Amino acid sequence: MRIGELARLTETPARSLRYYEQQGLLSPNRQANGYRDYDDYLVERVLQIRGLLEAGLPTRIIKQILPCLGTPRTIHFADATPEMISTLEHETARMTRRITCLTRNRDAIVEYLSVVKSLA
């Protein structure tokens, strides 16, 4: 499929898809005319990349773990280095802190909405 179709299916701007390619996260085939040709499995891969980016992982870490990801939420990584384990532990702790903050902010907004709606 062409870049426009992948962008539409994943709701990801074509510019982002080109960036993912520059970062080594995607490797589309090239047609004779130079157009990118994306395999169907890359739809899920782009969604994985976006999810990891939205979780706050930098592309350098995503690039390291991406080859180990099978289906979403399934990771196959038999030969993890101590450095990789340390990095992932650090990122997990950072995500947990972010989740805690987001949850606290969401709860405050829900409470605010409840009060505002009761006064209306």
Protein backbone atom coordinates (compact mmCIF):
# COMPACT_ATOMS: atom_id res chain seq x y z
CA MET A 1 0.00 0.00 0.00
CA ARG A 2 1.11 3.57 -0.52
CA ILE A 3 1.93 6.03 2.24
CA GLY A 4 -1.43 7.80 1.97
CA GLU A 5 -3.36 4.62 2.61
CA LEU A 6 -1.18 3.68 5.59
CA ALA A 7 -1.62 7.20 6.94
CA ARG A 8 -5.40 6.89 6.59
CA LEU A 9 -5.62 3.41 8.13
CA THR A 10 -3.50 4.36 11.14
CA GLU A 11 -4.65 7.99 11.44
CA THR A 12 -0.99 8.96 11.31
CA PRO A 13 0.27 11.86 9.22
CA ALA A 14 2.44 10.85 6.25
CA ARG A 15 5.10 13.16 7.66
CA SER A 16 5.22 11.02 10.82
CA LEU A 17 5.50 7.85 8.76
CA ARG A 18 8.49 9.34 6.93
CA TYR A 19 10.00 10.28 10.30
CA TYR A 20 9.53 6.72 11.56
CA GLU A 21 11.38 5.54 8.47
CA GLN A 22 14.21 8.02 9.06
CA GLN A 23 14.51 6.76 12.63
CA GLY A 24 14.71 3.15 11.43
CA LEU A 25 11.35 2.17 12.90
CA LEU A 26 9.77 1.31 9.52
CA SER A 27 11.33 -0.15 6.39
CA PRO A 28 8.95 0.13 3.46
CA ASN A 29 9.78 -1.44 0.13
CA ARG A 30 10.51 0.90 -2.76
CA GLN A 31 8.82 0.61 -6.12
CA ALA A 32 10.74 1.21 -9.35
CA ASN A 33 9.42 4.78 -9.42
CA GLY A 34 10.73 5.42 -5.88
CA TYR A 35 7.34 5.35 -4.17
CA ARG A 36 7.16 3.70 -0.79
CA ASP A 37 5.25 0.41 -0.67
CA TYR A 38 4.09 -0.64 2.79
CA ASP A 39 3.20 -4.23 3.66
CA ASP A 40 -0.15 -4.81 5.38
CA TYR A 41 1.47 -5.89 8.67
CA LEU A 42 2.88 -2.37 9.05
CA VAL A 43 -0.56 -1.07 10.02
CA GLU A 44 -0.20 -2.81 13.40
CA ARG A 45 3.46 -1.83 13.60
CA VAL A 46 2.63 1.86 13.17
CA LEU A 47 -0.02 1.59 15.88
CA GLN A 48 2.57 -0.01 18.17
CA ILE A 49 5.06 2.76 17.45
CA ARG A 50 2.46 5.44 18.13
CA GLY A 51 1.45 3.78 21.37
CA LEU A 52 5.04 3.59 22.56
CA LEU A 53 5.66 7.21 21.58
CA GLU A 54 2.48 8.31 23.35
CA ALA A 55 3.69 6.43 26.43
CA GLY A 56 6.76 8.62 26.34
CA LEU A 57 9.38 6.21 25.03
CA PRO A 58 12.01 7.87 22.86
CA THR A 59 12.57 6.53 19.35
CA ARG A 60 16.06 5.27 20.25
CA ILE A 61 14.52 2.84 22.78
CA ILE A 62 11.60 1.96 20.51
CA LYS A 63 14.10 1.06 17.81
CA GLN A 64 15.83 -1.34 20.20
CA ILE A 65 12.71 -3.15 21.39
CA LEU A 66 10.62 -2.99 18.21
CA PRO A 67 12.18 -6.09 16.63
CA CYS A 68 11.18 -8.02 19.76
CA LEU A 69 7.53 -7.04 19.64
CA GLY A 70 5.17 -9.58 18.16
CA THR A 71 1.52 -8.78 18.51
CA PRO A 72 0.56 -5.86 20.75
CA ARG A 73 1.38 -6.54 24.41
CA THR A 74 3.54 -9.56 23.52
CA ILE A 75 7.28 -9.08 23.80
CA HIS A 76 9.88 -11.65 22.78
CA PHE A 77 13.35 -10.65 23.95
CA ALA A 78 15.46 -13.59 25.04
CA ASP A 79 18.88 -11.89 25.01
CA ALA A 80 18.26 -8.62 26.85
CA THR A 81 21.45 -6.89 27.95
CA PRO A 82 21.80 -5.47 31.47
CA GLU A 83 21.79 -1.99 29.92
CA MET A 84 18.51 -2.69 28.12
CA ILE A 85 16.92 -4.05 31.27
CA SER A 86 18.05 -0.98 33.23
CA THR A 87 16.74 1.35 30.54
CA LEU A 88 13.37 -0.39 30.41
CA GLU A 89 13.09 -0.36 34.21
CA HIS A 90 13.81 3.37 34.20
CA GLU A 91 11.24 3.99 31.46
CA THR A 92 8.66 1.87 33.27
CA ALA A 93 9.14 3.89 36.46
CA ARG A 94 8.87 7.13 34.48
CA MET A 95 5.65 5.94 32.81
CA THR A 96 4.20 4.94 36.17
CA ARG A 97 4.88 8.44 37.52
CA ARG A 98 3.24 9.93 34.44
CA ILE A 99 0.21 7.65 34.78
CA THR A 100 -0.15 8.68 38.42
CA CYS A 101 -0.03 12.36 37.47
CA LEU A 102 -2.51 11.92 34.62
CA THR A 103 -4.88 9.95 36.83
CA ARG A 104 -4.74 12.64 39.51
CA ASN A 105 -5.44 15.36 36.94
CA ARG A 106 -8.28 13.38 35.36
CA ASP A 107 -9.88 12.81 38.74
CA ALA A 108 -9.66 16.53 39.56
CA ILE A 109 -11.32 17.43 36.25
CA VAL A 110 -14.08 14.86 36.79
CA GLU A 111 -14.72 16.29 40.26
CA TYR A 112 -14.75 19.84 38.88
CA LEU A 113 -17.22 18.85 36.15
CA SER A 114 -19.45 17.20 38.70
CA VAL A 115 -19.59 20.35 40.80
CA VAL A 116 -20.13 22.62 37.78
CA LYS A 117 -22.91 20.41 36.40
CA SER A 118 -24.67 20.29 39.78
CA LEU A 119 -24.73 24.09 39.88
CA ALA A 120 -26.13 24.42 36.36
